[in-house]
PDB file of N, CA and C in Angstrom:
ATOM      1  N   MET A   1     160.239 177.331 -12.182  1.00  0.00           N
ATOM      2  CA  MET A   1     161.481 176.081 -11.946  1.00  0.00           C
ATOM      3  C   MET A   1     161.368 175.543 -10.771  1.00  0.00           C
ATOM      4  N   GLU A   2     161.165 176.312  -9.768  1.00  0.00           N
ATOM      5  CA  GLU A   2     160.988 175.397  -8.422  1.00  0.00           C
ATOM      6  C   GLU A   2     159.897 174.617  -8.277  1.00  0.00           C
ATOM      7  N   ASN A   3     158.929 174.845  -8.877  1.00  0.00           N
ATOM      8  CA  ASN A   3     157.576 174.012  -8.688  1.00  0.00           C
ATOM      9  C   ASN A   3     158.124 172.867  -9.516  1.00  0.00           C
ATOM     10  N   LYS A   4     158.825 172.838 -10.615  1.00  0.00           N
ATOM     11  CA  LYS A   4     159.073 171.526 -11.474  1.00  0.00           C
ATOM     12  C   LYS A   4     160.079 170.536 -10.883  1.00  0.00           C
ATOM     13  N   ASN A   5     160.793 171.074  -9.736  1.00  0.00           N
ATOM     14  CA  ASN A   5     161.855 170.690  -8.949  1.00  0.00           C
ATOM     15  C   ASN A   5     160.975 169.989  -7.814  1.00  0.00           C
ATOM     16  N   THR A   6     160.151 170.282  -7.400  1.00  0.00           N
ATOM     17  CA  THR A   6     159.245 169.914  -6.371  1.00  0.00           C
ATOM     18  C   THR A   6     158.359 168.854  -6.710  1.00  0.00           C
ATOM     19  N   LEU A   7     157.786 168.958  -7.935  1.00  0.00           N
ATOM     20  CA  LEU A   7     157.079 168.122  -8.573  1.00  0.00           C
ATOM     21  C   LEU A   7     157.681 166.788  -8.852  1.00  0.00           C
ATOM     22  N   ASP A   8     158.915 166.851  -9.549  1.00  0.00           N
ATOM     23  CA  ASP A   8     159.967 165.895  -9.906  1.00  0.00           C
ATOM     24  C   ASP A   8     160.348 165.246  -8.533  1.00  0.00           C
ATOM     25  N   HIS A   9     160.242 166.051  -7.300  1.00  0.00           N
ATOM     26  CA  HIS A   9     160.838 165.482  -6.152  1.00  0.00           C
ATOM     27  C   HIS A   9     159.706 164.497  -5.685  1.00  0.00           C
ATOM     28  N   LEU A  10     158.716 165.102  -5.508  1.00  0.00           N
ATOM     29  CA  LEU A  10     157.241 164.330  -5.054  1.00  0.00           C
ATOM     30  C   LEU A  10     156.938 162.903  -5.913  1.00  0.00           C
ATOM     31  N   LEU A  11     157.126 163.069  -7.325  1.00  0.00           N
ATOM     32  CA  LEU A  11     156.887 162.029  -8.186  1.00  0.00           C
ATOM     33  C   LEU A  11     158.013 160.967  -7.783  1.00  0.00           C
ATOM     34  N   LYS A  12     159.248 161.685  -7.532  1.00  0.00           N
ATOM     35  CA  LYS A  12     160.637 160.307  -7.290  1.00  0.00           C
ATOM     36  C   LYS A  12     160.128 159.609  -5.856  1.00  0.00           C
ATOM     37  N   ILE A  13     159.486 160.324  -4.968  1.00  0.00           N
ATOM     38  CA  ILE A  13     159.000 159.998  -3.426  1.00  0.00           C
ATOM     39  C   ILE A  13     157.950 158.851  -3.836  1.00  0.00           C
ATOM     40  N   GLU A  14     156.802 159.487  -4.704  1.00  0.00           N
ATOM     41  CA  GLU A  14     155.797 158.278  -4.950  1.00  0.00           C
ATOM     42  C   GLU A  14     156.249 157.228  -5.680  1.00  0.00           C
ATOM     43  N   ALA A  15     157.276 157.150  -6.685  1.00  0.00           N
ATOM     44  CA  ALA A  15     157.699 156.162  -7.268  1.00  0.00           C
ATOM     45  C   ALA A  15     158.267 155.189  -6.147  1.00  0.00           C
ATOM     46  N   GLU A  16     159.201 155.731  -5.169  1.00  0.00           N
ATOM     47  CA  GLU A  16     159.665 154.786  -3.984  1.00  0.00           C
ATOM     48  C   GLU A  16     158.751 154.331  -3.196  1.00  0.00           C
ATOM     49  N   ALA A  17     157.855 154.850  -2.939  1.00  0.00           N
ATOM     50  CA  ALA A  17     156.666 154.454  -2.028  1.00  0.00           C
ATOM     51  C   ALA A  17     156.092 153.159  -2.907  1.00  0.00           C
ATOM     52  N   ALA A  18     155.787 153.474  -4.137  1.00  0.00           N
ATOM     53  CA  ALA A  18     155.220 152.305  -4.985  1.00  0.00           C
ATOM     54  C   ALA A  18     156.155 151.024  -4.822  1.00  0.00           C
ATOM     55  N   ALA A  19     157.335 151.247  -5.263  1.00  0.00           N
ATOM     56  CA  ALA A  19     158.359 150.151  -4.982  1.00  0.00           C
ATOM     57  C   ALA A  19     158.257 149.617  -3.588  1.00  0.00           C
ATOM     58  N   LEU A  20     158.146 150.559  -2.393  1.00  0.00           N
ATOM     59  CA  LEU A  20     158.323 149.780  -1.191  1.00  0.00           C
ATOM     60  C   LEU A  20     156.890 149.080  -1.102  1.00  0.00           C
ATOM     61  N   VAL A  21     155.885 149.501  -1.524  1.00  0.00           N
ATOM     62  CA  VAL A  21     154.258 148.773  -1.461  1.00  0.00           C
ATOM     63  C   VAL A  21     154.457 147.666  -2.128  1.00  0.00           C
ATOM     64  N   ASN A  22     155.065 147.567  -3.350  1.00  0.00           N
ATOM     65  CA  ASN A  22     155.112 146.222  -4.226  1.00  0.00           C
ATOM     66  C   ASN A  22     155.963 145.344  -3.718  1.00  0.00           C
ATOM     67  N   ASP A  23     157.197 145.832  -2.985  1.00  0.00           N
ATOM     68  CA  ASP A  23     158.066 144.667  -2.399  1.00  0.00           C
ATOM     69  C   ASP A  23     157.478 144.257  -1.045  1.00  0.00           C
ATOM     70  N   ALA A  24     156.839 145.127  -0.217  1.00  0.00           N
ATOM     71  CA  ALA A  24     156.146 144.444   0.808  1.00  0.00           C
ATOM     72  C   ALA A  24     154.729 143.644   0.536  1.00  0.00           C
ATOM     73  N   GLN A  25     154.056 143.727  -0.730  1.00  0.00           N
ATOM     74  CA  GLN A  25     153.233 142.787  -1.155  1.00  0.00           C
ATOM     75  C   GLN A  25     153.738 141.616  -1.592  1.00  0.00           C
ATOM     76  N   THR A  26     154.832 141.624  -2.480  1.00  0.00           N
ATOM     77  CA  THR A  26     155.622 140.491  -2.557  1.00  0.00           C
ATOM     78  C   THR A  26     155.766 139.651  -1.528  1.00  0.00           C
ATOM     79  N   GLU A  27     156.330 140.204  -0.297  1.00  0.00           N
ATOM     80  CA  GLU A  27     156.877 139.770   0.804  1.00  0.00           C
ATOM     81  C   GLU A  27     155.611 138.794   1.527  1.00  0.00           C
ATOM     82  N   ALA A  28     154.825 139.801   1.697  1.00  0.00           N
ATOM     83  CA  ALA A  28     153.425 139.394   2.287  1.00  0.00           C
ATOM     84  C   ALA A  28     153.128 137.842   1.504  1.00  0.00           C
ATOM     85  N   ASP A  29     152.998 138.179   0.034  1.00  0.00           N
ATOM     86  CA  ASP A  29     152.577 136.675  -0.565  1.00  0.00           C
ATOM     87  C   ASP A  29     153.340 135.751  -0.383  1.00  0.00           C
ATOM     88  N   ARG A  30     154.748 136.017  -0.144  1.00  0.00           N
ATOM     89  CA  ARG A  30     155.748 134.880  -0.108  1.00  0.00           C
ATOM     90  C   ARG A  30     155.678 134.162   1.320  1.00  0.00           C
ATOM     91  N   ARG A  31     155.438 134.952   2.351  1.00  0.00           N
ATOM     92  CA  ARG A  31     155.024 134.581   3.802  1.00  0.00           C
ATOM     93  C   ARG A  31     153.673 133.599   3.794  1.00  0.00           C
ATOM     94  N   ILE A  32     152.626 134.210   3.100  1.00  0.00           N
ATOM     95  CA  ILE A  32     151.478 133.741   3.230  1.00  0.00           C
ATOM     96  C   ILE A  32     151.251 132.140   2.342  1.00  0.00           C
ATOM     97  N   ARG A  33     152.201 132.225   1.464  1.00  0.00           N
ATOM     98  CA  ARG A  33     152.455 130.942   0.470  1.00  0.00           C
ATOM     99  C   ARG A  33     153.135 129.955   1.500  1.00  0.00           C
ATOM    100  N   GLU A  34     154.244 130.516   2.294  1.00  0.00           N
ATOM    101  CA  GLU A  34     155.012 129.440   3.001  1.00  0.00           C
ATOM    102  C   GLU A  34     154.257 129.041   4.237  1.00  0.00           C
ATOM    103  N   ASN A  35     153.667 129.788   4.687  1.00  0.00           N
ATOM    104  CA  ASN A  35     152.478 129.342   5.915  1.00  0.00           C
ATOM    105  C   ASN A  35     151.311 128.340   5.390  1.00  0.00           C
ATOM    106  N   GLU A  36     150.890 128.587   3.970  1.00  0.00           N
ATOM    107  CA  GLU A  36     150.098 127.612   3.686  1.00  0.00           C
ATOM    108  C   GLU A  36     150.730 126.269   3.286  1.00  0.00           C
ATOM    109  N   GLU A  37     151.974 126.348   2.671  1.00  0.00           N
ATOM    110  CA  GLU A  37     152.516 124.966   2.548  1.00  0.00           C
ATOM    111  C   GLU A  37     152.683 124.364   3.992  1.00  0.00           C
ATOM    112  N   LYS A  38     153.390 125.092   4.616  1.00  0.00           N
ATOM    113  CA  LYS A  38     153.658 124.368   6.457  1.00  0.00           C
ATOM    114  C   LYS A  38     152.190 123.970   7.040  1.00  0.00           C
ATOM    115  N   ASN A  39     151.237 124.862   6.945  1.00  0.00           N
ATOM    116  CA  ASN A  39     150.161 124.486   7.267  1.00  0.00           C
ATOM    117  C   ASN A  39     149.580 123.204   6.707  1.00  0.00           C
ATOM    118  N   ARG A  40     149.522 123.139   5.246  1.00  0.00           N
ATOM    119  CA  ARG A  40     149.072 122.083   4.505  1.00  0.00           C
ATOM    120  C   ARG A  40     149.974 120.521   4.925  1.00  0.00           C
ATOM    121  N   ALA A  41     151.319 120.545   4.952  1.00  0.00           N
ATOM    122  CA  ALA A  41     152.013 119.530   5.400  1.00  0.00           C
ATOM    123  C   ALA A  41     151.782 119.145   6.550  1.00  0.00           C
ATOM    124  N   ALA A  42     151.675 119.952   7.660  1.00  0.00           N
ATOM    125  CA  ALA A  42     151.262 119.648   9.230  1.00  0.00           C
ATOM    126  C   ALA A  42     149.930 119.174   9.051  1.00  0.00           C
ATOM    127  N   HIS A  43     148.760 119.466   8.334  1.00  0.00           N
ATOM    128  CA  HIS A  43     147.594 119.010   8.350  1.00  0.00           C
ATOM    129  C   HIS A  43     147.620 117.428   7.691  1.00  0.00           C
ATOM    130  N   GLU A  44     148.194 117.419   6.501  1.00  0.00           N
ATOM    131  CA  GLU A  44     148.376 115.972   6.138  1.00  0.00           C
ATOM    132  C   GLU A  44     148.864 114.984   6.964  1.00  0.00           C
ATOM    133  N   GLU A  45     150.184 115.580   7.792  1.00  0.00           N
ATOM    134  CA  GLU A  45     150.875 114.708   8.676  1.00  0.00           C
ATOM    135  C   GLU A  45     149.826 114.454   9.786  1.00  0.00           C
ATOM    136  N   ARG A  46     149.058 114.841  10.262  1.00  0.00           N
ATOM    137  CA  ARG A  46     148.125 114.873  11.274  1.00  0.00           C
ATOM    138  C   ARG A  46     146.973 113.846  10.773  1.00  0.00           C
ATOM    139  N   PHE A  47     146.517 114.319   9.627  1.00  0.00           N
ATOM    140  CA  PHE A  47     145.594 113.319   8.962  1.00  0.00           C
ATOM    141  C   PHE A  47     146.059 112.034   8.693  1.00  0.00           C
ATOM    142  N   LYS A  48     147.242 111.722   8.309  1.00  0.00           N
ATOM    143  CA  LYS A  48     148.012 110.445   8.073  1.00  0.00           C
ATOM    144  C   LYS A  48     148.101 109.382   9.315  1.00  0.00           C
ATOM    145  N   VAL A  49     148.328 110.445  10.514  1.00  0.00           N
ATOM    146  CA  VAL A  49     148.552 109.797  11.922  1.00  0.00           C
ATOM    147  C   VAL A  49     146.898 109.312  12.338  1.00  0.00           C
ATOM    148  N   GLU A  50     145.902 110.182  12.037  1.00  0.00           N
ATOM    149  CA  GLU A  50     144.544 109.695  12.445  1.00  0.00           C
ATOM    150  C   GLU A  50     143.994 108.683  11.901  1.00  0.00           C
ATOM    151  N   VAL A  51     144.454 108.654  10.358  1.00  0.00           N
ATOM    152  CA  VAL A  51     143.817 107.475   9.693  1.00  0.00           C
ATOM    153  C   VAL A  51     144.476 106.156   9.980  1.00  0.00           C
ATOM    154  N   LYS A  52     146.016 106.260  10.310  1.00  0.00           N
ATOM    155  CA  LYS A  52     146.530 104.775  10.757  1.00  0.00           C
ATOM    156  C   LYS A  52     145.823 104.671  12.143  1.00  0.00           C
ATOM    157  N   ALA A  53     145.709 105.640  12.801  1.00  0.00           N
ATOM    158  CA  ALA A  53     145.055 104.942  14.190  1.00  0.00           C
ATOM    159  C   ALA A  53     143.720 104.578  13.947  1.00  0.00           C
ATOM    160  N   ARG A  54     142.880 104.981  13.361  1.00  0.00           N
ATOM    161  CA  ARG A  54     141.542 104.708  12.924  1.00  0.00           C
ATOM    162  C   ARG A  54     141.439 103.325  12.382  1.00  0.00           C
ATOM    163  N   GLU A  55     142.554 102.956  11.250  1.00  0.00           N
ATOM    164  CA  GLU A  55     142.716 101.748  10.618  1.00  0.00           C
ATOM    165  C   GLU A  55     143.003 100.518  11.586  1.00  0.00           C
ATOM    166  N   GLU A  56     143.849 101.025  12.486  1.00  0.00           N
ATOM    167  CA  GLU A  56     144.310 100.019  13.404  1.00  0.00           C
ATOM    168  C   GLU A  56     143.172  99.670  14.541  1.00  0.00           C
ATOM    169  N   ALA A  57     142.297 100.517  14.827  1.00  0.00           N
ATOM    170  CA  ALA A  57     141.397 100.427  15.565  1.00  0.00           C
ATOM    171  C   ALA A  57     140.345  99.542  15.268  1.00  0.00           C
ATOM    172  N   LEU A  58     140.257  99.781  13.897  1.00  0.00           N
ATOM    173  CA  LEU A  58     139.501  99.295  12.931  1.00  0.00           C
ATOM    174  C   LEU A  58     139.506  97.641  12.663  1.00  0.00           C
ATOM    175  N   THR A  59     140.732  97.663  12.527  1.00  0.00           N
ATOM    176  CA  THR A  59     141.441  96.084  12.195  1.00  0.00           C
ATOM    177  C   THR A  59     141.161  95.455  13.605  1.00  0.00           C
ATOM    178  N   LYS A  60     141.434  95.909  14.950  1.00  0.00           N
ATOM    179  CA  LYS A  60     141.256  95.462  16.046  1.00  0.00           C
ATOM    180  C   LYS A  60     140.014  94.802  16.413  1.00  0.00           C
ATOM    181  N   GLU A  61     138.903  96.039  16.116  1.00  0.00           N
ATOM    182  CA  GLU A  61     137.612  95.586  16.222  1.00  0.00           C
ATOM    183  C   GLU A  61     137.171  94.525  15.519  1.00  0.00           C
ATOM    184  N   GLU A  62     137.525  94.397  14.265  1.00  0.00           N
ATOM    185  CA  GLU A  62     136.972  93.553  13.110  1.00  0.00           C
ATOM    186  C   GLU A  62     137.620  92.193  13.713  1.00  0.00           C
ATOM    187  N   GLU A  63     138.788  92.023  14.058  1.00  0.00           N
ATOM    188  CA  GLU A  63     139.508  90.876  15.002  1.00  0.00           C
ATOM    189  C   GLU A  63     138.609  90.304  16.013  1.00  0.00           C
ATOM    190  N   GLU A  64     138.454  91.285  16.626  1.00  0.00           N
ATOM    191  CA  GLU A  64     137.229  90.834  18.060  1.00  0.00           C
ATOM    192  C   GLU A  64     135.762  90.305  17.418  1.00  0.00           C
ATOM    193  N   PHE A  65     135.422  91.018  16.547  1.00  0.00           N
ATOM    194  CA  PHE A  65     134.092  90.414  16.078  1.00  0.00           C
ATOM    195  C   PHE A  65     134.368  89.089  15.316  1.00  0.00           C
ATOM    196  N   ARG A  66     135.334  89.172  14.497  1.00  0.00           N
ATOM    197  CA  ARG A  66     135.612  87.407  13.738  1.00  0.00           C
ATOM    198  C   ARG A  66     135.601  86.490  15.005  1.00  0.00           C
ATOM    199  N   LYS A  67     136.408  86.734  16.179  1.00  0.00           N
ATOM    200  CA  LYS A  67     136.543  85.975  17.289  1.00  0.00           C
ATOM    201  C   LYS A  67     135.226  85.693  17.980  1.00  0.00           C
ATOM    202  N   GLN A  68     134.340  86.740  18.076  1.00  0.00           N
ATOM    203  CA  GLN A  68     133.101  86.338  18.825  1.00  0.00           C
ATOM    204  C   GLN A  68     132.100  85.741  17.805  1.00  0.00           C
ATOM    205  N   TYR A  69     132.249  85.855  16.757  1.00  0.00           N
ATOM    206  CA  TYR A  69     131.473  85.001  15.591  1.00  0.00           C
ATOM    207  C   TYR A  69     132.101  83.604  15.734  1.00  0.00           C
ATOM    208  N   ARG A  70     133.126  83.314  15.607  1.00  0.00           N
ATOM    209  CA  ARG A  70     133.879  81.998  15.567  1.00  0.00           C
ATOM    210  C   ARG A  70     133.377  81.519  16.810  1.00  0.00           C
ATOM    211  N   ASP A  71     133.375  81.988  18.016  1.00  0.00           N
ATOM    212  CA  ASP A  71     133.074  81.482  19.281  1.00  0.00           C
ATOM    213  C   ASP A  71     131.497  81.275  19.228  1.00  0.00           C
ATOM    214  N   ALA A  72     130.677  81.967  18.904  1.00  0.00           N
ATOM    215  CA  ALA A  72     129.235  81.819  18.755  1.00  0.00           C
ATOM    216  C   ALA A  72     128.996  80.907  18.001  1.00  0.00           C
ATOM    217  N   LEU A  73     129.801  80.378  16.933  1.00  0.00           N
ATOM    218  CA  LEU A  73     129.401  79.405  15.807  1.00  0.00           C
ATOM    219  C   LEU A  73     129.680  78.084  16.378  1.00  0.00           C
ATOM    220  N   GLU A  74     130.761  78.097  17.058  1.00  0.00           N
ATOM    221  CA  GLU A  74     131.601  77.049  17.645  1.00  0.00           C
ATOM    222  C   GLU A  74     130.291  76.414  18.830  1.00  0.00           C
ATOM    223  N   LYS A  75     129.937  77.550  19.637  1.00  0.00           N
ATOM    224  CA  LYS A  75     128.916  76.987  20.607  1.00  0.00           C
ATOM    225  C   LYS A  75     127.450  76.362  19.921  1.00  0.00           C
ATOM    226  N   TYR A  76     127.132  77.189  19.022  1.00  0.00           N
ATOM    227  CA  TYR A  76     125.845  76.841  18.143  1.00  0.00           C
ATOM    228  C   TYR A  76     126.185  75.328  18.009  1.00  0.00           C
ATOM    229  N   ARG A  77     127.426  75.212  17.078  1.00  0.00           N
ATOM    230  CA  ARG A  77     127.633  73.583  16.872  1.00  0.00           C
ATOM    231  C   ARG A  77     127.523  72.681  17.625  1.00  0.00           C
ATOM    232  N   GLY A  78     128.345  73.168  18.943  1.00  0.00           N
ATOM    233  CA  GLY A  78     128.250  72.258  20.198  1.00  0.00           C
ATOM    234  C   GLY A  78     126.866  71.968  20.579  1.00  0.00           C
ATOM    235  N   GLU A  79     125.667  73.093  20.630  1.00  0.00           N
ATOM    236  CA  GLU A  79     124.581  72.648  20.923  1.00  0.00           C
ATOM    237  C   GLU A  79     123.597  71.785  20.140  1.00  0.00           C
ATOM    238  N   ILE A  80     124.010  71.813  19.104  1.00  0.00           N
ATOM    239  CA  ILE A  80     123.302  70.948  17.904  1.00  0.00           C
ATOM    240  C   ILE A  80     123.473  69.830  17.749  1.00  0.00           C
ATOM    241  N   SER A  81     125.001  69.851  18.115  1.00  0.00           N
ATOM    242  CA  SER A  81     125.419  68.374  17.699  1.00  0.00           C
ATOM    243  C   SER A  81     124.934  67.275  18.904  1.00  0.00           C
ATOM    244  N   GLY A  82     124.654  67.544  20.118  1.00  0.00           N
ATOM    245  CA  GLY A  82     124.027  66.698  20.802  1.00  0.00           C
ATOM    246  C   GLY A  82     122.303  66.553  20.825  1.00  0.00           C
ATOM    247  N   VAL A  83     121.910  67.186  19.690  1.00  0.00           N
ATOM    248  CA  VAL A  83     120.101  67.037  19.591  1.00  0.00           C
ATOM    249  C   VAL A  83     120.168  65.657  18.783  1.00  0.00           C
ATOM    250  N   ASN A  84     119.105  65.259  19.373  1.00  0.00           N
ATOM    251  CA  ASN A  84     118.855  63.896  18.654  1.00  0.00           C
ATOM    252  C   ASN A  84     117.646  64.238  17.703  1.00  0.00           C
ATOM    253  N   VAL A  85     117.991  63.790  16.415  1.00  0.00           N
ATOM    254  CA  VAL A  85     116.707  64.201  15.480  1.00  0.00           C
ATOM    255  C   VAL A  85     115.834  62.630  15.292  1.00  0.00           C
ATOM    256  N   ASP A  86     114.682  63.198  15.079  1.00  0.00           N
ATOM    257  CA  ASP A  86     113.477  61.815  15.177  1.00  0.00           C
ATOM    258  C   ASP A  86     113.145  61.876  13.804  1.00  0.00           C
ATOM    259  N   VAL A  87     114.094  61.281  12.691  1.00  0.00           N
ATOM    260  CA  VAL A  87     113.825  61.348  11.407  1.00  0.00           C
ATOM    261  C   VAL A  87     112.105  61.029  11.109  1.00  0.00           C
ATOM    262  N   PRO A  88     111.814  59.638  11.508  1.00  0.00           N
ATOM    263  CA  PRO A  88     110.621  59.414  10.955  1.00  0.00           C
ATOM    264  C   PRO A  88     109.669  60.370  11.569  1.00  0.00           C
ATOM    265  N   ARG A  89     109.571  60.841  12.645  1.00  0.00           N
ATOM    266  CA  ARG A  89     108.528  61.847  12.960  1.00  0.00           C
ATOM    267  C   ARG A  89     108.708  63.188  12.142  1.00  0.00           C
ATOM    268  N   PHE A  90     110.004  63.532  11.871  1.00  0.00           N
ATOM    269  CA  PHE A  90     110.302  64.594  11.027  1.00  0.00           C
ATOM    270  C   PHE A  90     109.557  64.624   9.712  1.00  0.00           C
ATOM    271  N   SER A  91     109.847  63.364   8.886  1.00  0.00           N
ATOM    272  CA  SER A  91     109.298  63.133   7.901  1.00  0.00           C
ATOM    273  C   SER A  91     107.882  62.817   7.541  1.00  0.00           C
ATOM    274  N   ALA A  92     107.334  62.495   8.845  1.00  0.00           N
ATOM    275  CA  ALA A  92     105.675  62.347   8.706  1.00  0.00           C
ATOM    276  C   ALA A  92     105.109  63.948   8.784  1.00  0.00           C
ATOM    277  N   LEU A  93     105.718  64.647   9.722  1.00  0.00           N
ATOM    278  CA  LEU A  93     105.403  66.268   9.850  1.00  0.00           C
ATOM    279  C   LEU A  93     105.561  66.755   8.405  1.00  0.00           C
ATOM    280  N   PHE A  94     106.769  66.525   7.852  1.00  0.00           N
ATOM    281  CA  PHE A  94     107.112  67.140   6.551  1.00  0.00           C
ATOM    282  C   PHE A  94     105.734  66.850   5.531  1.00  0.00           C
ATOM    283  N   ASN A  95     105.684  65.409   5.234  1.00  0.00           N
ATOM    284  CA  ASN A  95     104.838  65.023   4.383  1.00  0.00           C
ATOM    285  C   ASN A  95     103.267  65.468   4.992  1.00  0.00           C
ATOM    286  N   GLU A  96     102.957  65.681   6.161  1.00  0.00           N
ATOM    287  CA  GLU A  96     101.713  66.103   6.458  1.00  0.00           C
ATOM    288  C   GLU A  96     101.450  67.591   6.092  1.00  0.00           C
ATOM    289  N   PHE A  97     102.491  68.558   6.232  1.00  0.00           N
ATOM    290  CA  PHE A  97     102.889  69.635   5.856  1.00  0.00           C
ATOM    291  C   PHE A  97     102.284  69.820   4.323  1.00  0.00           C
ATOM    292  N   LEU A  98     103.112  69.212   3.568  1.00  0.00           N
ATOM    293  CA  LEU A  98     103.316  69.057   2.054  1.00  0.00           C
ATOM    294  C   LEU A  98     101.760  68.697   1.635  1.00  0.00           C
ATOM    295  N   ALA A  99     100.946  67.863   2.215  1.00  0.00           N
ATOM    296  CA  ALA A  99      99.627  67.170   1.861  1.00  0.00           C
ATOM    297  C   ALA A  99      98.789  68.515   2.104  1.00  0.00           C
ATOM    298  N   GLY A 100      98.853  69.133   3.235  1.00  0.00           N
ATOM    299  CA  GLY A 100      98.013  70.372   3.501  1.00  0.00           C
ATOM    300  C   GLY A 100      97.988  71.566   2.482  1.00  0.00           C
ATOM    301  N   GLU A 101      99.363  71.542   1.738  1.00  0.00           N
ATOM    302  CA  GLU A 101      99.646  72.565   1.064  1.00  0.00           C
ATOM    303  C   GLU A 101      98.903  72.444  -0.458  1.00  0.00           C
ATOM    304  N   ASN A 102      98.500  71.193  -0.673  1.00  0.00           N
ATOM    305  CA  ASN A 102      98.090  70.713  -2.209  1.00  0.00           C
ATOM    306  C   ASN A 102      96.770  70.958  -1.904  1.00  0.00           C
TER     307      ASN A 102
END
C-alpha cells in the first residue's frame, strides 16, 4: 500500500512538473512572438525612414542633373546660334558626297 501511495505521489509531482513545463513553454512562445512583432515593427519603421531619405536624395540628385542638362543645352544653343552656315558650300559638299555614293 505504501508503494502505491509513493507511486501516486510521484505521478502527481510528474503531472505538476509537466504542467509547469507546458506553462513555461507557452510563456516563452508568447514572449518570442511579442519580440518578433516588436522587432518587425522597428525594422519596418527604420526601413520607411531609410526609403524616405533615399527617395529625397534621389529627387535632389535628379533635379541637379536636370539643371545641369538645361544649362548644358542652353550653352550649346548659345554656341551654335552664333555660327554662320555657308549653305551654298554645304549644298555643294552634300551633292558631291551623294554623287560619290552612286
